């Protein structure tokens, strides 16, 4: 397992270094045209974006994964709801193709759960254990799994 983590750190640092190099230009002056902006960094692995409002709107937070990433307590993730966090404050989800996202109603990956492999524009349409029988504004922890 440590070798896998070392590889992830090495990959992340390599991507960061390449991105930094791409942003460094010649700066020779003399009427030269500035270099074109660097290409967007391609994220390898999985990423999901959670939104405070339905239809992928409102405040958002992005979580990325190589392997498995657990967010065991959304009350420590800054957000727009009670206490300034994303705890019980997610109404829509974007899931990168090929990724799996599991959501849980309790902290520490506990309680009722649901799994998503595609975008969910409105969690109030997903049956669940919370208000009005849905998962809307009812998620306290999550897991992102990359293939």
C-alpha atoms as a PDB file:
ATOM      1  CA  UNK A   1       0.000   0.000   0.000  1.00  0.00           C
ATOM      2  CA  UNK A   2       2.822   2.535   0.735  1.00  0.00           C
ATOM      3  CA  UNK A   3       4.170   2.043  -2.802  1.00  0.00           C
ATOM      4  CA  UNK A   4       0.767   2.921  -4.234  1.00  0.00           C
ATOM      5  CA  UNK A   5       0.567   6.070  -2.098  1.00  0.00           C
ATOM      6  CA  UNK A   6       4.129   7.003  -3.136  1.00  0.00           C
ATOM      7  CA  UNK A   7       3.160   6.611  -6.775  1.00  0.00           C
ATOM      8  CA  UNK A   8       0.105   8.846  -6.287  1.00  0.00           C
ATOM      9  CA  UNK A   9       2.223  11.526  -4.622  1.00  0.00           C
ATOM     10  CA  UNK A  10       4.849  11.245  -7.359  1.00  0.00           C
ATOM     11  CA  UNK A  11       2.148  11.536 -10.067  1.00  0.00           C
ATOM     12  CA  UNK A  12       0.544  14.533  -8.392  1.00  0.00           C
ATOM     13  CA  UNK A  13       3.879  16.304  -7.956  1.00  0.00           C
ATOM     14  CA  UNK A  14       4.847  15.530 -11.564  1.00  0.00           C
ATOM     15  CA  UNK A  15       1.596  17.031 -12.850  1.00  0.00           C
ATOM     16  CA  UNK A  16       2.094  20.076 -10.637  1.00  0.00           C
ATOM     17  CA  UNK A  17       5.668  20.519 -11.888  1.00  0.00           C
ATOM     18  CA  UNK A  18       4.621  20.220 -15.556  1.00  0.00           C
ATOM     19  CA  UNK A  19       1.835  22.731 -14.982  1.00  0.00           C
ATOM     20  CA  UNK A  20       4.272  25.152 -13.350  1.00  0.00           C
ATOM     21  CA  UNK A  21       6.719  24.780 -16.253  1.00  0.00           C
ATOM     22  CA  UNK A  22       3.949  25.386 -18.769  1.00  0.00           C
ATOM     23  CA  UNK A  23       3.157  28.662 -17.021  1.00  0.00           C
ATOM     24  CA  UNK A  24       6.784  29.908 -17.170  1.00  0.00           C
ATOM     25  CA  UNK A  25       7.427  31.844 -20.350  1.00  0.00           C
ATOM     26  CA  UNK A  26      10.504  33.209 -22.020  1.00  0.00           C
ATOM     27  CA  UNK A  27       9.866  36.871 -21.146  1.00  0.00           C
ATOM     28  CA  UNK A  28      12.495  38.093 -23.640  1.00  0.00           C
ATOM     29  CA  UNK A  29      10.742  41.397 -24.414  1.00  0.00           C
ATOM     30  CA  UNK A  30      11.564  42.892 -27.807  1.00  0.00           C
ATOM     31  CA  UNK A  31       8.004  42.799 -29.152  1.00  0.00           C
ATOM     32  CA  UNK A  32       7.611  39.054 -28.893  1.00  0.00           C
ATOM     33  CA  UNK A  33       4.085  37.804 -28.596  1.00  0.00           C
ATOM     34  CA  UNK A  34       3.271  36.228 -25.256  1.00  0.00           C
ATOM     35  CA  UNK A  35       3.124  32.450 -25.247  1.00  0.00           C
ATOM     36  CA  UNK A  36      -0.329  30.890 -25.512  1.00  0.00           C
ATOM     37  CA  UNK A  37      -1.992  29.973 -22.215  1.00  0.00           C
ATOM     38  CA  UNK A  38      -1.181  26.475 -20.973  1.00  0.00           C
ATOM     39  CA  UNK A  39      -3.591  23.695 -21.803  1.00  0.00           C
ATOM     40  CA  UNK A  40      -5.992  22.781 -19.022  1.00  0.00           C
ATOM     41  CA  UNK A  41      -4.683  20.128 -16.694  1.00  0.00           C
ATOM     42  CA  UNK A  42      -6.323  16.789 -17.377  1.00  0.00           C
ATOM     43  CA  UNK A  43      -7.388  15.062 -14.171  1.00  0.00           C
ATOM     44  CA  UNK A  44      -6.499  11.384 -14.145  1.00  0.00           C
ATOM     45  CA  UNK A  45      -8.680   9.395 -11.786  1.00  0.00           C
ATOM     46  CA  UNK A  46     -12.116  10.366 -10.575  1.00  0.00           C
ATOM     47  CA  UNK A  47     -13.721  13.541  -9.461  1.00  0.00           C
ATOM     48  CA  UNK A  48     -17.155  14.464  -8.204  1.00  0.00           C
ATOM     49  CA  UNK A  49     -18.675  17.870  -7.573  1.00  0.00           C
ATOM     50  CA  UNK A  50     -21.400  18.439  -4.998  1.00  0.00           C
ATOM     51  CA  UNK A  51     -23.723  21.444  -5.202  1.00  0.00           C
ATOM     52  CA  UNK A  52     -25.796  23.124  -2.519  1.00  0.00           C
ATOM     53  CA  UNK A  53     -28.725  23.617  -4.915  1.00  0.00           C
ATOM     54  CA  UNK A  54     -30.521  21.455  -7.453  1.00  0.00           C
ATOM     55  CA  UNK A  55     -29.566  21.505 -11.129  1.00  0.00           C
ATOM     56  CA  UNK A  56     -25.842  21.852 -10.418  1.00  0.00           C
ATOM     57  CA  UNK A  57     -26.103  25.371  -9.035  1.00  0.00           C
ATOM     58  CA  UNK A  58     -25.144  27.215  -5.894  1.00  0.00           C
ATOM     59  CA  UNK A  59     -21.978  26.726  -3.891  1.00  0.00           C
ATOM     60  CA  UNK A  60     -19.931  23.660  -4.817  1.00  0.00           C
ATOM     61  CA  UNK A  61     -17.073  21.492  -3.608  1.00  0.00           C
ATOM     62  CA  UNK A  62     -14.971  19.086  -5.663  1.00  0.00           C
ATOM     63  CA  UNK A  63     -13.515  15.811  -4.444  1.00  0.00           C
ATOM     64  CA  UNK A  64     -10.985  13.839  -6.478  1.00  0.00           C
ATOM     65  CA  UNK A  65      -9.753  10.311  -6.118  1.00  0.00           C
ATOM     66  CA  UNK A  66      -7.039   7.919  -7.128  1.00  0.00           C
ATOM     67  CA  UNK A  67      -8.301   4.653  -5.717  1.00  0.00           C
ATOM     68  CA  UNK A  68     -10.648   5.383  -2.807  1.00  0.00           C
ATOM     69  CA  UNK A  69     -11.117   8.726  -1.063  1.00  0.00           C
ATOM     70  CA  UNK A  70     -13.321   8.960   2.017  1.00  0.00           C
ATOM     71  CA  UNK A  71     -14.754  12.230   3.282  1.00  0.00           C
ATOM     72  CA  UNK A  72     -15.912  11.022   6.659  1.00  0.00           C
ATOM     73  CA  UNK A  73     -17.360  14.278   7.947  1.00  0.00           C
ATOM     74  CA  UNK A  74     -18.782  16.973   5.671  1.00  0.00           C
ATOM     75  CA  UNK A  75     -19.096  19.288   8.664  1.00  0.00           C
ATOM     76  CA  UNK A  76     -15.406  20.119   8.172  1.00  0.00           C
ATOM     77  CA  UNK A  77     -15.846  20.979   4.473  1.00  0.00           C
ATOM     78  CA  UNK A  78     -16.534  24.729   4.098  1.00  0.00           C
ATOM     79  CA  UNK A  79     -19.923  25.365   2.543  1.00  0.00           C
ATOM     80  CA  UNK A  80     -22.976  27.618   2.495  1.00  0.00           C
ATOM     81  CA  UNK A  81     -25.241  25.921   5.028  1.00  0.00           C
ATOM     82  CA  UNK A  82     -25.603  25.725   8.811  1.00  0.00           C
ATOM     83  CA  UNK A  83     -22.273  26.157  10.519  1.00  0.00           C
ATOM     84  CA  UNK A  84     -20.668  27.212   7.208  1.00  0.00           C
ATOM     85  CA  UNK A  85     -20.252  23.643   5.929  1.00  0.00           C
ATOM     86  CA  UNK A  86     -21.594  21.163   3.372  1.00  0.00           C
ATOM     87  CA  UNK A  87     -23.023  18.844   6.052  1.00  0.00           C
ATOM     88  CA  UNK A  88     -26.669  18.081   5.145  1.00  0.00           C
ATOM     89  CA  UNK A  89     -26.299  20.654   2.363  1.00  0.00           C
ATOM     90  CA  UNK A  90     -26.050  18.759  -0.954  1.00  0.00           C
ATOM     91  CA  UNK A  91     -28.871  18.921  -3.510  1.00  0.00           C
ATOM     92  CA  UNK A  92     -27.162  17.832  -6.754  1.00  0.00           C
ATOM     93  CA  UNK A  93     -24.066  15.854  -7.749  1.00  0.00           C
ATOM     94  CA  UNK A  94     -21.847  15.620 -10.825  1.00  0.00           C
ATOM     95  CA  UNK A  95     -19.949  12.334 -11.188  1.00  0.00           C
ATOM     96  CA  UNK A  96     -17.156  11.964 -13.747  1.00  0.00           C
ATOM     97  CA  UNK A  97     -17.814   9.066 -16.121  1.00  0.00           C
ATOM     98  CA  UNK A  98     -16.417   5.798 -14.800  1.00  0.00           C
ATOM     99  CA  UNK A  99     -16.406   6.935 -11.168  1.00  0.00           C
ATOM    100  CA  UNK A 100     -18.496   5.689  -8.267  1.00  0.00           C
ATOM    101  CA  UNK A 101     -19.721   7.955  -5.503  1.00  0.00           C
ATOM    102  CA  UNK A 102     -21.314   6.618  -2.339  1.00  0.00           C
ATOM    103  CA  UNK A 103     -23.179   8.996  -0.028  1.00  0.00           C
ATOM    104  CA  UNK A 104     -24.097   8.374   3.602  1.00  0.00           C
ATOM    105  CA  UNK A 105     -26.588  10.129   5.878  1.00  0.00           C
ATOM    106  CA  UNK A 106     -24.297   9.903   8.921  1.00  0.00           C
ATOM    107  CA  UNK A 107     -20.678  10.881   9.498  1.00  0.00           C
ATOM    108  CA  UNK A 108     -17.981   8.198   9.279  1.00  0.00           C
ATOM    109  CA  UNK A 109     -19.662   6.534   6.289  1.00  0.00           C
ATOM    110  CA  UNK A 110     -22.579   5.430   8.442  1.00  0.00           C
ATOM    111  CA  UNK A 111     -26.316   5.144   8.173  1.00  0.00           C
ATOM    112  CA  UNK A 112     -28.393   4.785   5.043  1.00  0.00           C
ATOM    113  CA  UNK A 113     -26.465   5.122   1.800  1.00  0.00           C
ATOM    114  CA  UNK A 114     -26.843   5.410  -1.951  1.00  0.00           C
ATOM    115  CA  UNK A 115     -24.372   4.948  -4.807  1.00  0.00           C
ATOM    116  CA  UNK A 116     -24.168   6.982  -8.010  1.00  0.00           C
ATOM    117  CA  UNK A 117     -22.227   6.482 -11.242  1.00  0.00           C
ATOM    118  CA  UNK A 118     -23.832   9.392 -13.107  1.00  0.00           C
ATOM    119  CA  UNK A 119     -24.952  12.949 -12.458  1.00  0.00           C
ATOM    120  CA  UNK A 120     -27.931  13.585 -10.182  1.00  0.00           C
ATOM    121  CA  UNK A 121     -29.554  16.951 -10.929  1.00  0.00           C
ATOM    122  CA  UNK A 122     -31.993  16.833  -8.020  1.00  0.00           C
ATOM    123  CA  UNK A 123     -31.495  14.694  -4.928  1.00  0.00           C
ATOM    124  CA  UNK A 124     -35.078  15.418  -3.858  1.00  0.00           C
ATOM    125  CA  UNK A 125     -36.048  12.879  -6.549  1.00  0.00           C
ATOM    126  CA  UNK A 126     -33.885  10.122  -5.004  1.00  0.00           C
ATOM    127  CA  UNK A 127     -35.768   8.100  -2.371  1.00  0.00           C
ATOM    128  CA  UNK A 128     -34.009   8.190   0.984  1.00  0.00           C
ATOM    129  CA  UNK A 129     -34.447   8.287   4.751  1.00  0.00           C
ATOM    130  CA  UNK A 130     -34.562  12.049   5.346  1.00  0.00           C
ATOM    131  CA  UNK A 131     -37.057  14.889   4.974  1.00  0.00           C
ATOM    132  CA  UNK A 132     -39.787  14.126   2.471  1.00  0.00           C
ATOM    133  CA  UNK A 133     -38.332  10.632   2.032  1.00  0.00           C
ATOM    134  CA  UNK A 134     -35.315  11.697  -0.073  1.00  0.00           C
ATOM    135  CA  UNK A 135     -31.537  12.192   0.091  1.00  0.00           C
ATOM    136  CA  UNK A 136     -31.827  15.961  -0.475  1.00  0.00           C
ATOM    137  CA  UNK A 137     -29.827  17.965   2.101  1.00  0.00           C
ATOM    138  CA  UNK A 138     -29.224  14.719   3.967  1.00  0.00           C
ATOM    139  CA  UNK A 139     -25.600  13.706   3.237  1.00  0.00           C
ATOM    140  CA  UNK A 140     -22.996  13.795   6.026  1.00  0.00           C
ATOM    141  CA  UNK A 141     -20.151  11.744   4.524  1.00  0.00           C
ATOM    142  CA  UNK A 142     -19.132  10.352   1.141  1.00  0.00           C
ATOM    143  CA  UNK A 143     -16.751   8.031  -0.654  1.00  0.00           C
ATOM    144  CA  UNK A 144     -15.323   8.441  -4.170  1.00  0.00           C
ATOM    145  CA  UNK A 145     -13.963   5.357  -5.915  1.00  0.00           C
ATOM    146  CA  UNK A 146     -11.978   5.427  -9.147  1.00  0.00           C
ATOM    147  CA  UNK A 147     -11.789   2.449 -11.471  1.00  0.00           C
END
